[in-house]
């Protein structure tokens, strides 16, 4: 079971409420479109949100989604998510296969 947190304003309450479900994954999903701060700056919020989830739901694995691209993967690596979801950076690319391959290679290398 993966629960998505897009548009969840009170992550602490959400995590406490879903705790009895013992979710396998929590997707920290911050839409770059909805963040109002641009493509990369919203990634800084992931650290705070991940800390809450790891404290309240220590057994849940962490997925991150929203505005992730090859250009900002360096902000994602220190957070040590279990899953990285990239969408728009791939489907809007002139060469989606190249971008997907680059993201995959960088994730495998961890840098």
PDB file of N, CA and C in Angstrom:
ATOM      1  N   UNK A   1       0.841  -1.176   0.000  1.00  0.00           N
ATOM      2  CA  UNK A   1       0.000   0.000   0.000  1.00  0.00           C
ATOM      3  C   UNK A   1       0.882   1.233   0.000  1.00  0.00           C
ATOM      4  N   UNK A   2       0.697   2.108  -0.998  1.00  0.00           N
ATOM      5  CA  UNK A   2       1.395   3.389  -1.042  1.00  0.00           C
ATOM      6  C   UNK A   2       0.361   4.494  -0.894  1.00  0.00           C
ATOM      7  N   UNK A   3       0.611   5.388   0.046  1.00  0.00           N
ATOM      8  CA  UNK A   3      -0.256   6.540   0.247  1.00  0.00           C
ATOM      9  C   UNK A   3       0.457   7.782  -0.276  1.00  0.00           C
ATOM     10  N   UNK A   4      -0.263   8.610  -1.000  1.00  0.00           N
ATOM     11  CA  UNK A   4       0.273   9.816  -1.611  1.00  0.00           C
ATOM     12  C   UNK A   4      -0.107  11.023  -0.757  1.00  0.00           C
ATOM     13  N   UNK A   5       0.826  11.944  -0.601  1.00  0.00           N
ATOM     14  CA  UNK A   5       0.587  13.094   0.273  1.00  0.00           C
ATOM     15  C   UNK A   5       0.321  14.398  -0.480  1.00  0.00           C
ATOM     16  N   UNK A   6       0.074  14.322  -1.773  1.00  0.00           N
ATOM     17  CA  UNK A   6      -0.136  15.562  -2.521  1.00  0.00           C
ATOM     18  C   UNK A   6      -1.325  16.326  -1.921  1.00  0.00           C
ATOM     19  N   UNK A   7      -1.116  17.592  -1.730  1.00  0.00           N
ATOM     20  CA  UNK A   7      -2.101  18.518  -1.173  1.00  0.00           C
ATOM     21  C   UNK A   7      -2.485  18.231   0.279  1.00  0.00           C
ATOM     22  N   UNK A   8      -1.686  17.449   0.992  1.00  0.00           N
ATOM     23  CA  UNK A   8      -1.887  17.239   2.431  1.00  0.00           C
ATOM     24  C   UNK A   8      -1.172  18.387   3.142  1.00  0.00           C
ATOM     25  N   UNK A   9      -1.910  19.223   3.839  1.00  0.00           N
ATOM     26  CA  UNK A   9      -1.293  20.385   4.484  1.00  0.00           C
ATOM     27  C   UNK A   9      -0.743  20.065   5.875  1.00  0.00           C
ATOM     28  N   UNK A  10      -1.339  19.137   6.585  1.00  0.00           N
ATOM     29  CA  UNK A  10      -0.879  18.777   7.927  1.00  0.00           C
ATOM     30  C   UNK A  10      -0.363  17.338   7.890  1.00  0.00           C
ATOM     31  N   UNK A  11       0.900  17.213   7.534  1.00  0.00           N
ATOM     32  CA  UNK A  11       1.487  15.885   7.346  1.00  0.00           C
ATOM     33  C   UNK A  11       1.555  15.097   8.649  1.00  0.00           C
ATOM     34  N   UNK A  12       1.793  15.766   9.756  1.00  0.00           N
ATOM     35  CA  UNK A  12       1.842  15.105  11.059  1.00  0.00           C
ATOM     36  C   UNK A  12       0.503  14.417  11.354  1.00  0.00           C
ATOM     37  N   UNK A  13      -0.600  15.136  11.213  1.00  0.00           N
ATOM     38  CA  UNK A  13      -1.926  14.553  11.465  1.00  0.00           C
ATOM     39  C   UNK A  13      -2.227  13.428  10.485  1.00  0.00           C
ATOM     40  N   UNK A  14      -1.868  13.632   9.221  1.00  0.00           N
ATOM     41  CA  UNK A  14      -2.068  12.596   8.205  1.00  0.00           C
ATOM     42  C   UNK A  14      -1.333  11.322   8.606  1.00  0.00           C
ATOM     43  N   UNK A  15      -0.065  11.451   8.970  1.00  0.00           N
ATOM     44  CA  UNK A  15       0.748  10.284   9.329  1.00  0.00           C
ATOM     45  C   UNK A  15       0.164   9.566  10.548  1.00  0.00           C
ATOM     46  N   UNK A  16      -0.262  10.316  11.531  1.00  0.00           N
ATOM     47  CA  UNK A  16      -0.859   9.706  12.718  1.00  0.00           C
ATOM     48  C   UNK A  16      -2.158   8.988  12.373  1.00  0.00           C
ATOM     49  N   UNK A  17      -2.961   9.601  11.508  1.00  0.00           N
ATOM     50  CA  UNK A  17      -4.250   9.016  11.127  1.00  0.00           C
ATOM     51  C   UNK A  17      -4.077   7.715  10.338  1.00  0.00           C
ATOM     52  N   UNK A  18      -3.078   7.657   9.457  1.00  0.00           N
ATOM     53  CA  UNK A  18      -2.903   6.462   8.616  1.00  0.00           C
ATOM     54  C   UNK A  18      -2.010   5.410   9.265  1.00  0.00           C
ATOM     55  N   UNK A  19      -1.421   5.723  10.387  1.00  0.00           N
ATOM     56  CA  UNK A  19      -0.524   4.785  11.061  1.00  0.00           C
ATOM     57  C   UNK A  19      -1.131   3.393  11.262  1.00  0.00           C
ATOM     58  N   UNK A  20      -2.412   3.274  11.668  1.00  0.00           N
ATOM     59  CA  UNK A  20      -2.995   1.941  11.848  1.00  0.00           C
ATOM     60  C   UNK A  20      -3.042   1.111  10.556  1.00  0.00           C
ATOM     61  N   UNK A  21      -2.941   1.775   9.409  1.00  0.00           N
ATOM     62  CA  UNK A  21      -2.951   1.053   8.133  1.00  0.00           C
ATOM     63  C   UNK A  21      -1.620   0.374   7.835  1.00  0.00           C
ATOM     64  N   UNK A  22      -0.580   0.749   8.553  1.00  0.00           N
ATOM     65  CA  UNK A  22       0.773   0.234   8.311  1.00  0.00           C
ATOM     66  C   UNK A  22       1.135   0.298   6.826  1.00  0.00           C
ATOM     67  N   UNK A  23       1.103   1.486   6.232  1.00  0.00           N
ATOM     68  CA  UNK A  23       1.399   1.577   4.802  1.00  0.00           C
ATOM     69  C   UNK A  23       2.830   1.139   4.499  1.00  0.00           C
ATOM     70  N   UNK A  24       2.980   0.494   3.355  1.00  0.00           N
ATOM     71  CA  UNK A  24       4.315   0.069   2.926  1.00  0.00           C
ATOM     72  C   UNK A  24       5.145   1.267   2.479  1.00  0.00           C
ATOM     73  N   UNK A  25       4.487   2.194   1.789  1.00  0.00           N
ATOM     74  CA  UNK A  25       5.150   3.373   1.252  1.00  0.00           C
ATOM     75  C   UNK A  25       4.308   4.609   1.529  1.00  0.00           C
ATOM     76  N   UNK A  26       5.016   5.716   1.736  1.00  0.00           N
ATOM     77  CA  UNK A  26       4.387   7.030   1.757  1.00  0.00           C
ATOM     78  C   UNK A  26       5.079   7.822   0.654  1.00  0.00           C
ATOM     79  N   UNK A  27       4.290   8.366  -0.249  1.00  0.00           N
ATOM     80  CA  UNK A  27       4.844   9.171  -1.327  1.00  0.00           C
ATOM     81  C   UNK A  27       4.778  10.641  -0.920  1.00  0.00           C
ATOM     82  N   UNK A  28       5.938  11.213  -0.675  1.00  0.00           N
ATOM     83  CA  UNK A  28       6.041  12.639  -0.404  1.00  0.00           C
ATOM     84  C   UNK A  28       5.949  13.306  -1.772  1.00  0.00           C
ATOM     85  N   UNK A  29       4.777  13.808  -2.063  1.00  0.00           N
ATOM     86  CA  UNK A  29       4.467  14.310  -3.404  1.00  0.00           C
ATOM     87  C   UNK A  29       4.150  15.788  -3.311  1.00  0.00           C
ATOM     88  N   UNK A  30       5.046  16.586  -3.828  1.00  0.00           N
ATOM     89  CA  UNK A  30       4.878  18.028  -3.828  1.00  0.00           C
ATOM     90  C   UNK A  30       4.871  18.491  -5.268  1.00  0.00           C
ATOM     91  N   UNK A  31       3.734  18.853  -5.771  1.00  0.00           N
ATOM     92  CA  UNK A  31       3.629  19.272  -7.162  1.00  0.00           C
ATOM     93  C   UNK A  31       4.382  20.578  -7.382  1.00  0.00           C
ATOM     94  N   UNK A  32       5.284  20.558  -8.343  1.00  0.00           N
ATOM     95  CA  UNK A  32       5.991  21.790  -8.692  1.00  0.00           C
ATOM     96  C   UNK A  32       5.004  22.836  -9.183  1.00  0.00           C
ATOM     97  N   UNK A  33       3.938  22.405  -9.845  1.00  0.00           N
ATOM     98  CA  UNK A  33       2.914  23.330 -10.331  1.00  0.00           C
ATOM     99  C   UNK A  33       2.210  24.034  -9.182  1.00  0.00           C
ATOM    100  N   UNK A  34       1.968  23.299  -8.093  1.00  0.00           N
ATOM    101  CA  UNK A  34       1.195  23.837  -6.985  1.00  0.00           C
ATOM    102  C   UNK A  34       2.046  24.500  -5.913  1.00  0.00           C
ATOM    103  N   UNK A  35       3.360  24.313  -5.975  1.00  0.00           N
ATOM    104  CA  UNK A  35       4.214  24.806  -4.899  1.00  0.00           C
ATOM    105  C   UNK A  35       4.327  26.323  -4.881  1.00  0.00           C
ATOM    106  N   UNK A  36       4.242  26.945  -6.056  1.00  0.00           N
ATOM    107  CA  UNK A  36       4.358  28.392  -6.122  1.00  0.00           C
ATOM    108  C   UNK A  36       5.775  28.908  -5.954  1.00  0.00           C
ATOM    109  N   UNK A  37       6.761  28.004  -5.840  1.00  0.00           N
ATOM    110  CA  UNK A  37       8.140  28.446  -5.640  1.00  0.00           C
ATOM    111  C   UNK A  37       9.076  27.974  -6.741  1.00  0.00           C
ATOM    112  N   UNK A  38       8.566  27.345  -7.764  1.00  0.00           N
ATOM    113  CA  UNK A  38       9.411  26.943  -8.877  1.00  0.00           C
ATOM    114  C   UNK A  38       9.811  25.485  -8.820  1.00  0.00           C
ATOM    115  N   UNK A  39      10.487  25.096  -9.866  1.00  0.00           N
ATOM    116  CA  UNK A  39      10.807  23.690 -10.102  1.00  0.00           C
ATOM    117  C   UNK A  39      11.690  23.056  -9.022  1.00  0.00           C
ATOM    118  N   UNK A  40      12.695  23.762  -8.546  1.00  0.00           N
ATOM    119  CA  UNK A  40      13.655  23.128  -7.638  1.00  0.00           C
ATOM    120  C   UNK A  40      13.468  23.499  -6.174  1.00  0.00           C
ATOM    121  N   UNK A  41      13.017  24.704  -5.893  1.00  0.00           N
ATOM    122  CA  UNK A  41      12.949  25.153  -4.511  1.00  0.00           C
ATOM    123  C   UNK A  41      12.015  24.306  -3.656  1.00  0.00           C
ATOM    124  N   UNK A  42      10.960  23.783  -4.246  1.00  0.00           N
ATOM    125  CA  UNK A  42      10.032  22.987  -3.440  1.00  0.00           C
ATOM    126  C   UNK A  42      10.667  21.694  -2.942  1.00  0.00           C
ATOM    127  N   UNK A  43      11.756  21.261  -3.587  1.00  0.00           N
ATOM    128  CA  UNK A  43      12.440  20.047  -3.136  1.00  0.00           C
ATOM    129  C   UNK A  43      13.010  20.213  -1.735  1.00  0.00           C
ATOM    130  N   UNK A  44      13.309  21.432  -1.340  1.00  0.00           N
ATOM    131  CA  UNK A  44      13.844  21.669  -0.005  1.00  0.00           C
ATOM    132  C   UNK A  44      12.833  21.291   1.080  1.00  0.00           C
ATOM    133  N   UNK A  45      11.563  21.344   0.743  1.00  0.00           N
ATOM    134  CA  UNK A  45      10.515  20.975   1.691  1.00  0.00           C
ATOM    135  C   UNK A  45      10.478  19.466   1.937  1.00  0.00           C
ATOM    136  N   UNK A  46      11.010  18.694   1.021  1.00  0.00           N
ATOM    137  CA  UNK A  46      10.990  17.237   1.180  1.00  0.00           C
ATOM    138  C   UNK A  46      11.662  16.796   2.479  1.00  0.00           C
ATOM    139  N   UNK A  47      12.771  17.407   2.833  1.00  0.00           N
ATOM    140  CA  UNK A  47      13.508  16.995   4.026  1.00  0.00           C
ATOM    141  C   UNK A  47      12.635  17.083   5.269  1.00  0.00           C
ATOM    142  N   UNK A  48      11.906  18.188   5.418  1.00  0.00           N
ATOM    143  CA  UNK A  48      11.030  18.356   6.585  1.00  0.00           C
ATOM    144  C   UNK A  48       9.934  17.288   6.594  1.00  0.00           C
ATOM    145  N   UNK A  49       9.355  17.063   5.430  1.00  0.00           N
ATOM    146  CA  UNK A  49       8.260  16.098   5.333  1.00  0.00           C
ATOM    147  C   UNK A  49       8.748  14.669   5.571  1.00  0.00           C
ATOM    148  N   UNK A  50       9.897  14.343   5.045  1.00  0.00           N
ATOM    149  CA  UNK A  50      10.447  13.001   5.241  1.00  0.00           C
ATOM    150  C   UNK A  50      10.760  12.764   6.713  1.00  0.00           C
ATOM    151  N   UNK A  51      11.262  13.779   7.394  1.00  0.00           N
ATOM    152  CA  UNK A  51      11.562  13.648   8.827  1.00  0.00           C
ATOM    153  C   UNK A  51      10.296  13.292   9.601  1.00  0.00           C
ATOM    154  N   UNK A  52       9.191  13.940   9.281  1.00  0.00           N
ATOM    155  CA  UNK A  52       7.917  13.650   9.955  1.00  0.00           C
ATOM    156  C   UNK A  52       7.494  12.208   9.698  1.00  0.00           C
ATOM    157  N   UNK A  53       7.536  11.796   8.455  1.00  0.00           N
ATOM    158  CA  UNK A  53       7.102  10.435   8.118  1.00  0.00           C
ATOM    159  C   UNK A  53       8.000   9.401   8.784  1.00  0.00           C
ATOM    160  N   UNK A  54       9.295   9.621   8.753  1.00  0.00           N
ATOM    161  CA  UNK A  54      10.217   8.640   9.364  1.00  0.00           C
ATOM    162  C   UNK A  54      10.024   8.560  10.877  1.00  0.00           C
ATOM    163  N   UNK A  55       9.606   9.660  11.497  1.00  0.00           N
ATOM    164  CA  UNK A  55       9.379   9.645  12.938  1.00  0.00           C
ATOM    165  C   UNK A  55       8.064   8.939  13.280  1.00  0.00           C
ATOM    166  N   UNK A  56       6.989   9.250  12.555  1.00  0.00           N
ATOM    167  CA  UNK A  56       5.666   8.723  12.879  1.00  0.00           C
ATOM    168  C   UNK A  56       5.440   7.333  12.290  1.00  0.00           C
ATOM    169  N   UNK A  57       5.997   7.091  11.119  1.00  0.00           N
ATOM    170  CA  UNK A  57       5.808   5.804  10.423  1.00  0.00           C
ATOM    171  C   UNK A  57       7.173   5.208  10.085  1.00  0.00           C
ATOM    172  N   UNK A  58       7.918   4.792  11.088  1.00  0.00           N
ATOM    173  CA  UNK A  58       9.304   4.368  10.855  1.00  0.00           C
ATOM    174  C   UNK A  58       9.463   3.157   9.938  1.00  0.00           C
ATOM    175  N   UNK A  59       8.426   2.345   9.787  1.00  0.00           N
ATOM    176  CA  UNK A  59       8.541   1.161   8.932  1.00  0.00           C
ATOM    177  C   UNK A  59       8.155   1.423   7.483  1.00  0.00           C
ATOM    178  N   UNK A  60       7.565   2.574   7.220  1.00  0.00           N
ATOM    179  CA  UNK A  60       7.152   2.891   5.850  1.00  0.00           C
ATOM    180  C   UNK A  60       8.358   3.314   5.026  1.00  0.00           C
ATOM    181  N   UNK A  61       8.388   2.851   3.797  1.00  0.00           N
ATOM    182  CA  UNK A  61       9.411   3.302   2.864  1.00  0.00           C
ATOM    183  C   UNK A  61       8.952   4.636   2.285  1.00  0.00           C
ATOM    184  N   UNK A  62       9.933   5.416   1.820  1.00  0.00           N
ATOM    185  CA  UNK A  62       9.660   6.766   1.346  1.00  0.00           C
ATOM    186  C   UNK A  62       9.829   6.838  -0.170  1.00  0.00           C
ATOM    187  N   UNK A  63       8.800   7.352  -0.827  1.00  0.00           N
ATOM    188  CA  UNK A  63       8.886   7.697  -2.243  1.00  0.00           C
ATOM    189  C   UNK A  63       8.801   9.211  -2.333  1.00  0.00           C
ATOM    190  N   UNK A  64       9.475   9.796  -3.308  1.00  0.00           N
ATOM    191  CA  UNK A  64       9.367  11.232  -3.548  1.00  0.00           C
ATOM    192  C   UNK A  64       8.931  11.453  -4.986  1.00  0.00           C
ATOM    193  N   UNK A  65       8.064  12.438  -5.178  1.00  0.00           N
ATOM    194  CA  UNK A  65       7.559  12.767  -6.507  1.00  0.00           C
ATOM    195  C   UNK A  65       7.256  14.247  -6.567  1.00  0.00           C
ATOM    196  N   UNK A  66       7.407  14.802  -7.744  1.00  0.00           N
ATOM    197  CA  UNK A  66       7.024  16.188  -7.972  1.00  0.00           C
ATOM    198  C   UNK A  66       8.192  17.057  -8.380  1.00  0.00           C
ATOM    199  N   UNK A  67       8.275  17.341  -9.660  1.00  0.00           N
ATOM    200  CA  UNK A  67       9.303  18.262 -10.146  1.00  0.00           C
ATOM    201  C   UNK A  67      10.702  17.686 -10.173  1.00  0.00           C
ATOM    202  N   UNK A  68      10.845  16.387 -10.068  1.00  0.00           N
ATOM    203  CA  UNK A  68      12.174  15.778 -10.028  1.00  0.00           C
ATOM    204  C   UNK A  68      12.699  15.618 -11.451  1.00  0.00           C
ATOM    205  N   UNK A  69      13.941  16.079 -11.638  1.00  0.00           N
ATOM    206  CA  UNK A  69      14.572  16.050 -12.952  1.00  0.00           C
ATOM    207  C   UNK A  69      16.068  15.784 -12.775  1.00  0.00           C
ATOM    208  N   UNK A  70      16.771  15.539 -13.876  1.00  0.00           N
ATOM    209  CA  UNK A  70      18.225  15.368 -13.757  1.00  0.00           C
ATOM    210  C   UNK A  70      18.902  16.588 -13.136  1.00  0.00           C
ATOM    211  N   UNK A  71      18.307  17.758 -13.343  1.00  0.00           N
ATOM    212  CA  UNK A  71      18.911  18.992 -12.832  1.00  0.00           C
ATOM    213  C   UNK A  71      18.853  19.128 -11.316  1.00  0.00           C
ATOM    214  N   UNK A  72      17.911  18.452 -10.668  1.00  0.00           N
ATOM    215  CA  UNK A  72      17.795  18.625  -9.221  1.00  0.00           C
ATOM    216  C   UNK A  72      17.940  17.323  -8.439  1.00  0.00           C
ATOM    217  N   UNK A  73      18.384  16.269  -9.090  1.00  0.00           N
ATOM    218  CA  UNK A  73      18.584  15.002  -8.374  1.00  0.00           C
ATOM    219  C   UNK A  73      19.568  15.150  -7.212  1.00  0.00           C
ATOM    220  N   UNK A  74      20.518  16.061  -7.348  1.00  0.00           N
ATOM    221  CA  UNK A  74      21.503  16.228  -6.264  1.00  0.00           C
ATOM    222  C   UNK A  74      20.841  16.666  -4.965  1.00  0.00           C
ATOM    223  N   UNK A  75      19.664  17.294  -5.041  1.00  0.00           N
ATOM    224  CA  UNK A  75      18.922  17.674  -3.834  1.00  0.00           C
ATOM    225  C   UNK A  75      18.178  16.482  -3.246  1.00  0.00           C
ATOM    226  N   UNK A  76      17.925  15.483  -4.067  1.00  0.00           N
ATOM    227  CA  UNK A  76      17.141  14.323  -3.643  1.00  0.00           C
ATOM    228  C   UNK A  76      18.017  13.273  -2.965  1.00  0.00           C
ATOM    229  N   UNK A  77      19.233  13.052  -3.469  1.00  0.00           N
ATOM    230  CA  UNK A  77      20.092  11.985  -2.949  1.00  0.00           C
ATOM    231  C   UNK A  77      20.319  12.036  -1.439  1.00  0.00           C
ATOM    232  N   UNK A  78      20.589  13.206  -0.845  1.00  0.00           N
ATOM    233  CA  UNK A  78      20.831  13.230   0.598  1.00  0.00           C
ATOM    234  C   UNK A  78      19.624  12.784   1.437  1.00  0.00           C
ATOM    235  N   UNK A  79      18.432  12.821   0.850  1.00  0.00           N
ATOM    236  CA  UNK A  79      17.217  12.455   1.572  1.00  0.00           C
ATOM    237  C   UNK A  79      17.031  10.941   1.668  1.00  0.00           C
ATOM    238  N   UNK A  80      17.785  10.207   0.869  1.00  0.00           N
ATOM    239  CA  UNK A  80      17.774   8.744   0.872  1.00  0.00           C
ATOM    240  C   UNK A  80      16.372   8.134   0.715  1.00  0.00           C
ATOM    241  N   UNK A  81      15.620   8.586  -0.300  1.00  0.00           N
ATOM    242  CA  UNK A  81      14.306   7.967  -0.517  1.00  0.00           C
ATOM    243  C   UNK A  81      14.473   6.550  -1.061  1.00  0.00           C
ATOM    244  N   UNK A  82      13.475   5.736  -0.841  1.00  0.00           N
ATOM    245  CA  UNK A  82      13.487   4.374  -1.365  1.00  0.00           C
ATOM    246  C   UNK A  82      13.067   4.339  -2.830  1.00  0.00           C
ATOM    247  N   UNK A  83      12.236   5.304  -3.227  1.00  0.00           N
ATOM    248  CA  UNK A  83      11.722   5.383  -4.596  1.00  0.00           C
ATOM    249  C   UNK A  83      11.759   6.838  -5.039  1.00  0.00           C
ATOM    250  N   UNK A  84      12.198   7.066  -6.267  1.00  0.00           N
ATOM    251  CA  UNK A  84      12.178   8.396  -6.863  1.00  0.00           C
ATOM    252  C   UNK A  84      11.280   8.321  -8.094  1.00  0.00           C
ATOM    253  N   UNK A  85      10.283   9.209  -8.144  1.00  0.00           N
ATOM    254  CA  UNK A  85       9.323   9.214  -9.245  1.00  0.00           C
ATOM    255  C   UNK A  85       9.547  10.487 -10.059  1.00  0.00           C
ATOM    256  N   UNK A  86       9.809  10.304 -11.337  1.00  0.00           N
ATOM    257  CA  UNK A  86       9.975  11.440 -12.251  1.00  0.00           C
ATOM    258  C   UNK A  86       8.910  11.321 -13.329  1.00  0.00           C
ATOM    259  N   UNK A  87       8.238  12.390 -13.594  1.00  0.00           N
ATOM    260  CA  UNK A  87       7.179  12.377 -14.604  1.00  0.00           C
ATOM    261  C   UNK A  87       7.415  13.415 -15.670  1.00  0.00           C
ATOM    262  N   UNK A  88       7.064  14.659 -15.330  1.00  0.00           N
ATOM    263  CA  UNK A  88       7.104  15.730 -16.317  1.00  0.00           C
ATOM    264  C   UNK A  88       8.471  15.901 -16.963  1.00  0.00           C
ATOM    265  N   UNK A  89       9.542  15.770 -16.177  1.00  0.00           N
ATOM    266  CA  UNK A  89      10.875  15.961 -16.760  1.00  0.00           C
ATOM    267  C   UNK A  89      11.146  14.951 -17.863  1.00  0.00           C
ATOM    268  N   UNK A  90      10.465  13.820 -17.817  1.00  0.00           N
ATOM    269  CA  UNK A  90      10.615  12.810 -18.867  1.00  0.00           C
ATOM    270  C   UNK A  90       9.632  13.072 -19.996  1.00  0.00           C
ATOM    271  N   UNK A  91       8.357  13.198 -19.687  1.00  0.00           N
ATOM    272  CA  UNK A  91       7.382  13.294 -20.770  1.00  0.00           C
ATOM    273  C   UNK A  91       7.419  14.611 -21.513  1.00  0.00           C
ATOM    274  N   UNK A  92       7.987  15.674 -20.920  1.00  0.00           N
ATOM    275  CA  UNK A  92       8.116  16.938 -21.640  1.00  0.00           C
ATOM    276  C   UNK A  92       9.438  17.071 -22.386  1.00  0.00           C
ATOM    277  N   UNK A  93      10.339  16.138 -22.194  1.00  0.00           N
ATOM    278  CA  UNK A  93      11.665  16.222 -22.816  1.00  0.00           C
ATOM    279  C   UNK A  93      11.587  15.975 -24.321  1.00  0.00           C
ATOM    280  N   UNK A  94      12.509  16.599 -25.058  1.00  0.00           N
ATOM    281  CA  UNK A  94      12.604  16.329 -26.492  1.00  0.00           C
ATOM    282  C   UNK A  94      12.945  14.863 -26.729  1.00  0.00           C
ATOM    283  N   UNK A  95      13.761  14.306 -25.841  1.00  0.00           N
ATOM    284  CA  UNK A  95      14.170  12.908 -25.945  1.00  0.00           C
ATOM    285  C   UNK A  95      13.878  12.217 -24.604  1.00  0.00           C
ATOM    286  N   UNK A  96      12.633  11.797 -24.404  1.00  0.00           N
ATOM    287  CA  UNK A  96      12.258  11.198 -23.114  1.00  0.00           C
ATOM    288  C   UNK A  96      13.118   9.992 -22.719  1.00  0.00           C
ATOM    289  N   UNK A  97      13.490   9.181 -23.667  1.00  0.00           N
ATOM    290  CA  UNK A  97      14.300   8.001 -23.346  1.00  0.00           C
ATOM    291  C   UNK A  97      15.667   8.406 -22.792  1.00  0.00           C
ATOM    292  N   UNK A  98      16.252   9.467 -23.364  1.00  0.00           N
ATOM    293  CA  UNK A  98      17.553   9.921 -22.877  1.00  0.00           C
ATOM    294  C   UNK A  98      17.447  10.442 -21.445  1.00  0.00           C
ATOM    295  N   UNK A  99      16.422  11.231 -21.165  1.00  0.00           N
ATOM    296  CA  UNK A  99      16.249  11.797 -19.827  1.00  0.00           C
ATOM    297  C   UNK A  99      15.979  10.684 -18.817  1.00  0.00           C
ATOM    298  N   UNK A 100      15.108   9.746 -19.166  1.00  0.00           N
ATOM    299  CA  UNK A 100      14.820   8.625 -18.259  1.00  0.00           C
ATOM    300  C   UNK A 100      16.087   7.819 -17.995  1.00  0.00           C
ATOM    301  N   UNK A 101      16.863   7.583 -19.041  1.00  0.00           N
ATOM    302  CA  UNK A 101      18.110   6.830 -18.889  1.00  0.00           C
ATOM    303  C   UNK A 101      19.096   7.574 -17.994  1.00  0.00           C
ATOM    304  N   UNK A 102      19.192   8.893 -18.173  1.00  0.00           N
ATOM    305  CA  UNK A 102      20.097   9.692 -17.341  1.00  0.00           C
ATOM    306  C   UNK A 102      19.688   9.634 -15.870  1.00  0.00           C
ATOM    307  N   UNK A 103      18.394   9.776 -15.604  1.00  0.00           N
ATOM    308  CA  UNK A 103      17.914   9.699 -14.220  1.00  0.00           C
ATOM    309  C   UNK A 103      18.224   8.330 -13.636  1.00  0.00           C
ATOM    310  N   UNK A 104      17.936   7.287 -14.381  1.00  0.00           N
ATOM    311  CA  UNK A 104      18.185   5.925 -13.891  1.00  0.00           C
ATOM    312  C   UNK A 104      19.664   5.705 -13.588  1.00  0.00           C
ATOM    313  N   UNK A 105      20.535   6.119 -14.493  1.00  0.00           N
ATOM    314  CA  UNK A 105      21.981   5.944 -14.277  1.00  0.00           C
ATOM    315  C   UNK A 105      22.451   6.695 -13.037  1.00  0.00           C
ATOM    316  N   UNK A 106      21.977   7.921 -12.883  1.00  0.00           N
ATOM    317  CA  UNK A 106      22.384   8.712 -11.721  1.00  0.00           C
ATOM    318  C   UNK A 106      21.864   8.112 -10.422  1.00  0.00           C
ATOM    319  N   UNK A 107      20.648   7.563 -10.454  1.00  0.00           N
ATOM    320  CA  UNK A 107      20.110   6.912  -9.260  1.00  0.00           C
ATOM    321  C   UNK A 107      20.934   5.673  -8.912  1.00  0.00           C
ATOM    322  N   UNK A 108      21.304   4.915  -9.919  1.00  0.00           N
ATOM    323  CA  UNK A 108      22.118   3.712  -9.680  1.00  0.00           C
ATOM    324  C   UNK A 108      23.474   4.061  -9.107  1.00  0.00           C
ATOM    325  N   UNK A 109      24.052   5.192  -9.564  1.00  0.00           N
ATOM    326  CA  UNK A 109      25.351   5.638  -9.059  1.00  0.00           C
ATOM    327  C   UNK A 109      25.225   6.325  -7.701  1.00  0.00           C
ATOM    328  N   UNK A 110      24.048   6.895  -7.440  1.00  0.00           N
ATOM    329  CA  UNK A 110      23.847   7.615  -6.189  1.00  0.00           C
ATOM    330  C   UNK A 110      24.435   9.013  -6.209  1.00  0.00           C
ATOM    331  N   UNK A 111      24.535   9.595  -7.406  1.00  0.00           N
ATOM    332  CA  UNK A 111      25.077  10.959  -7.479  1.00  0.00           C
ATOM    333  C   UNK A 111      24.475  11.716  -8.642  1.00  0.00           C
TER     334      UNK A 111
END
